[in-house]
Amino acid sequence: MNKLLVCLLCACTPATWAAESFVLDSGHTFPSFEIRHHGVSVMRGKFNRSQGRVVLDPAGSDSRIEVSVDATSGDTGHDGLNQKLLAGSFFNTAQFPEIQFVSSEVAFKDGKPVSATGNLTLLGVTRPVVLEIRDYTCTLQFLTRRPLCGADVHASIKRSDFGMNYGIPLIGDEVKLAIEVEGFRE
């Protein structure tokens, strides 16, 4: 293997980075959700627009994650259902067009992030949430040769904790979050 390629790959391993900053790639970052519907199926949806910045410092305490999701970009693949979800009984995007997550702590194992504790703000209500970070991997983006990292992030919340009570129990209270995320090093 070419020595230059080996050096570049080593430079992209998380253990060698100290307080590296990343900007989320909005074309490859999609917060999605699933919820039980009438106890017979699972309804899924995602948000098509989000932005954020991630600072990872495995050796210190400078890590932070700040993400903003455009709640008006909610999409279930069904226009009628989208209109209901974005209206007042659920996401109420006219009054609360943004969902935010800001970390207070990021935990690492073997130089890789494994969880982020922080605050989720939804419908103007802020609650603590722990995000589980899985499959964190870094590489060089094949076209631009820029360092690129990605992960699969998971959490579970109760929508009633944020005041979204409409339809409970026919529409479930527990919401499972699954977020595919990629970011370029700044």
Protein backbone atom coordinates (compact mmCIF):
# COMPACT_ATOMS: atom_id res chain seq x y z
CA MET A 1 0.00 0.00 0.00
CA ASN A 2 1.22 3.45 -0.84
CA LYS A 3 2.92 5.18 2.13
CA LEU A 4 1.07 8.45 1.45
CA LEU A 5 -2.28 6.65 1.54
CA VAL A 6 -1.38 4.97 4.84
CA CYS A 7 -0.41 8.35 6.34
CA LEU A 8 -3.69 9.92 5.15
CA LEU A 9 -5.76 7.07 6.59
CA CYS A 10 -3.93 7.29 9.91
CA ALA A 11 -4.59 11.03 9.99
CA CYS A 12 -8.31 10.26 9.79
CA THR A 13 -8.49 7.95 12.79
CA PRO A 14 -10.32 9.47 15.76
CA ALA A 15 -7.57 8.61 18.24
CA THR A 16 -5.20 11.05 16.51
CA TRP A 17 -7.61 13.98 16.52
CA ALA A 18 -7.74 16.50 19.33
CA ALA A 19 -10.81 18.75 19.48
CA GLU A 20 -11.72 18.48 15.81
CA SER A 21 -14.71 20.42 14.51
CA PHE A 22 -17.17 19.10 11.96
CA VAL A 23 -20.05 20.69 10.07
CA LEU A 24 -22.95 18.34 9.43
CA ASP A 25 -23.55 17.44 5.81
CA SER A 26 -27.23 18.29 5.35
CA GLY A 27 -27.38 16.04 2.28
CA HIS A 28 -26.46 13.00 4.38
CA THR A 29 -27.96 13.81 7.79
CA PHE A 30 -31.58 12.79 8.33
CA PRO A 31 -33.22 12.62 11.76
CA SER A 32 -35.97 10.02 11.52
CA PHE A 33 -38.63 8.76 13.92
CA GLU A 34 -40.98 5.85 14.41
CA ILE A 35 -44.08 5.51 16.54
CA ARG A 36 -46.78 2.89 17.10
CA HIS A 37 -50.02 3.66 15.26
CA HIS A 38 -53.26 2.24 16.69
CA GLY A 39 -51.20 -0.59 18.17
CA VAL A 40 -51.11 -2.39 14.83
CA SER A 41 -48.27 -0.81 12.87
CA VAL A 42 -45.22 1.43 13.11
CA MET A 43 -45.39 4.79 11.38
CA ARG A 44 -42.07 6.22 10.21
CA GLY A 45 -41.00 9.66 9.10
CA LYS A 46 -37.97 11.88 8.82
CA PHE A 47 -36.91 15.49 8.67
CA ASN A 48 -35.34 16.53 5.39
CA ARG A 49 -33.47 19.62 6.60
CA SER A 50 -31.05 19.90 9.49
CA GLN A 51 -27.79 21.64 10.27
CA GLY A 52 -25.25 21.53 13.01
CA ARG A 53 -21.74 21.48 14.29
CA VAL A 54 -19.89 18.78 16.20
CA VAL A 55 -16.69 19.20 18.18
CA LEU A 56 -15.06 15.96 19.31
CA ASP A 57 -12.27 15.93 21.85
CA PRO A 58 -11.61 12.35 23.04
CA ALA A 59 -8.74 13.54 25.24
CA GLY A 60 -10.57 16.35 27.02
CA SER A 61 -13.88 17.93 27.83
CA ASP A 62 -14.25 20.29 24.86
CA SER A 63 -16.67 18.04 22.98
CA ARG A 64 -20.06 19.42 22.01
CA ILE A 65 -22.85 18.72 19.59
CA GLU A 66 -25.30 21.38 18.43
CA VAL A 67 -27.99 20.40 15.95
CA SER A 68 -30.97 22.30 14.60
CA VAL A 69 -33.73 20.47 12.74
CA ASP A 70 -36.20 22.29 10.50
CA ALA A 71 -39.45 20.85 11.87
CA THR A 72 -41.34 22.11 8.80
CA SER A 73 -39.38 19.58 6.71
CA GLY A 74 -41.12 16.62 8.39
CA ASP A 75 -41.91 13.95 5.83
CA THR A 76 -43.73 10.62 6.11
CA GLY A 77 -44.05 10.07 2.37
CA HIS A 78 -47.78 10.90 2.52
CA ASP A 79 -48.86 14.53 1.94
CA GLY A 80 -52.09 14.30 3.97
CA LEU A 81 -50.33 12.77 6.96
CA ASN A 82 -47.55 15.36 6.70
CA GLN A 83 -50.11 18.15 6.97
CA LYS A 84 -51.58 16.59 10.14
CA LEU A 85 -48.16 16.01 11.75
CA LEU A 86 -46.92 19.54 11.07
CA ALA A 87 -50.14 21.13 12.39
CA GLY A 88 -51.06 22.21 15.91
CA SER A 89 -51.88 18.81 17.40
CA PHE A 90 -48.41 17.41 16.79
CA PHE A 91 -45.31 19.42 15.76
CA ASN A 92 -47.12 22.77 15.59
CA THR A 93 -44.52 24.09 13.14
CA ALA A 94 -46.29 27.43 12.76
CA GLN A 95 -45.31 28.25 16.35
CA PHE A 96 -42.26 25.96 16.77
CA PRO A 97 -40.45 25.64 13.42
CA GLU A 98 -37.24 24.31 14.95
CA ILE A 99 -36.15 21.31 17.01
CA GLN A 100 -32.78 21.60 18.76
CA PHE A 101 -30.30 19.33 20.50
CA VAL A 102 -27.36 20.72 22.47
CA SER A 103 -25.03 18.34 24.26
CA SER A 104 -23.65 18.82 27.74
CA GLU A 105 -21.35 15.78 27.64
CA VAL A 106 -19.98 13.35 25.06
CA ALA A 107 -18.66 9.96 26.23
CA PHE A 108 -15.88 8.11 24.39
CA LYS A 109 -14.64 4.54 24.28
CA ASP A 110 -11.36 3.72 22.55
CA GLY A 111 -11.22 7.25 21.12
CA LYS A 112 -14.67 7.05 19.51
CA PRO A 113 -17.86 8.80 20.70
CA VAL A 114 -20.43 6.34 22.08
CA SER A 115 -23.04 8.65 23.61
CA ALA A 116 -24.05 12.27 23.97
CA THR A 117 -26.02 13.61 26.92
CA GLY A 118 -27.78 16.89 26.39
CA ASN A 119 -31.01 18.81 26.03
CA LEU A 120 -33.63 18.34 23.34
CA THR A 121 -36.00 21.24 22.72
CA LEU A 122 -39.27 20.34 21.02
CA LEU A 123 -42.46 22.43 21.06
CA GLY A 124 -40.67 24.98 23.26
CA VAL A 125 -40.06 22.37 25.98
CA THR A 126 -36.51 21.33 26.88
CA ARG A 127 -35.80 17.89 28.35
CA PRO A 128 -32.63 15.85 28.93
CA VAL A 129 -31.90 13.13 26.38
CA VAL A 130 -29.12 10.60 25.93
CA LEU A 131 -28.18 9.80 22.35
CA GLU A 132 -26.49 6.46 21.69
CA ILE A 133 -23.81 6.83 19.00
CA ARG A 134 -23.20 3.66 16.98
CA ASP A 135 -20.86 2.80 14.13
CA TYR A 136 -18.78 5.99 14.30
CA THR A 137 -16.40 5.86 11.35
CA CYS A 138 -14.10 8.31 9.58
CA THR A 139 -12.59 8.29 6.12
CA LEU A 140 -11.63 10.62 3.30
CA GLN A 141 -14.54 11.60 1.06
CA PHE A 142 -13.66 10.03 -2.27
CA LEU A 143 -14.34 13.10 -4.47
CA THR A 144 -13.05 15.98 -2.35
CA ARG A 145 -10.48 14.04 -0.26
CA ARG A 146 -11.80 15.94 2.80
CA PRO A 147 -11.99 14.12 6.14
CA LEU A 148 -15.54 12.82 6.62
CA CYS A 149 -17.03 11.13 9.69
CA GLY A 150 -20.41 9.51 10.16
CA ALA A 151 -22.46 7.61 12.69
CA ASP A 152 -25.81 6.03 13.38
CA VAL A 153 -27.44 7.74 16.37
CA HIS A 154 -30.38 6.39 18.41
CA ALA A 155 -32.60 7.50 21.29
CA SER A 156 -36.07 6.97 22.65
CA ILE A 157 -38.26 9.76 24.02
CA LYS A 158 -41.82 10.17 25.24
CA ARG A 159 -43.62 12.76 23.20
CA SER A 160 -45.87 13.58 26.16
CA ASP A 161 -42.76 14.87 28.00
CA PHE A 162 -42.75 17.68 25.43
CA GLY A 163 -46.50 18.36 25.60
CA MET A 164 -47.37 16.41 22.44
CA ASN A 165 -50.30 14.49 23.90
CA TYR A 166 -52.74 14.25 20.99
CA GLY A 167 -53.99 10.72 20.26
CA ILE A 168 -52.36 8.90 23.20
CA PRO A 169 -52.79 5.89 23.61
CA LEU A 170 -54.02 5.10 20.07
CA ILE A 171 -50.95 6.83 18.72
CA GLY A 172 -48.00 5.78 20.85
CA ASP A 173 -46.24 7.93 23.41
CA GLU A 174 -42.79 6.39 22.88
CA VAL A 175 -40.94 7.75 19.86
CA LYS A 176 -37.82 5.99 18.64
CA LEU A 177 -35.28 8.26 17.00
CA ALA A 178 -32.75 7.04 14.44
CA ILE A 179 -30.43 9.63 12.95
CA GLU A 180 -28.02 8.99 10.13
CA VAL A 181 -25.34 11.64 10.34
CA GLU A 182 -22.27 12.65 8.36
CA GLY A 183 -20.02 15.65 8.78
CA PHE A 184 -16.96 17.20 7.16
CA ARG A 185 -14.01 18.37 9.23
CA GLU A 186 -13.85 22.18 9.26
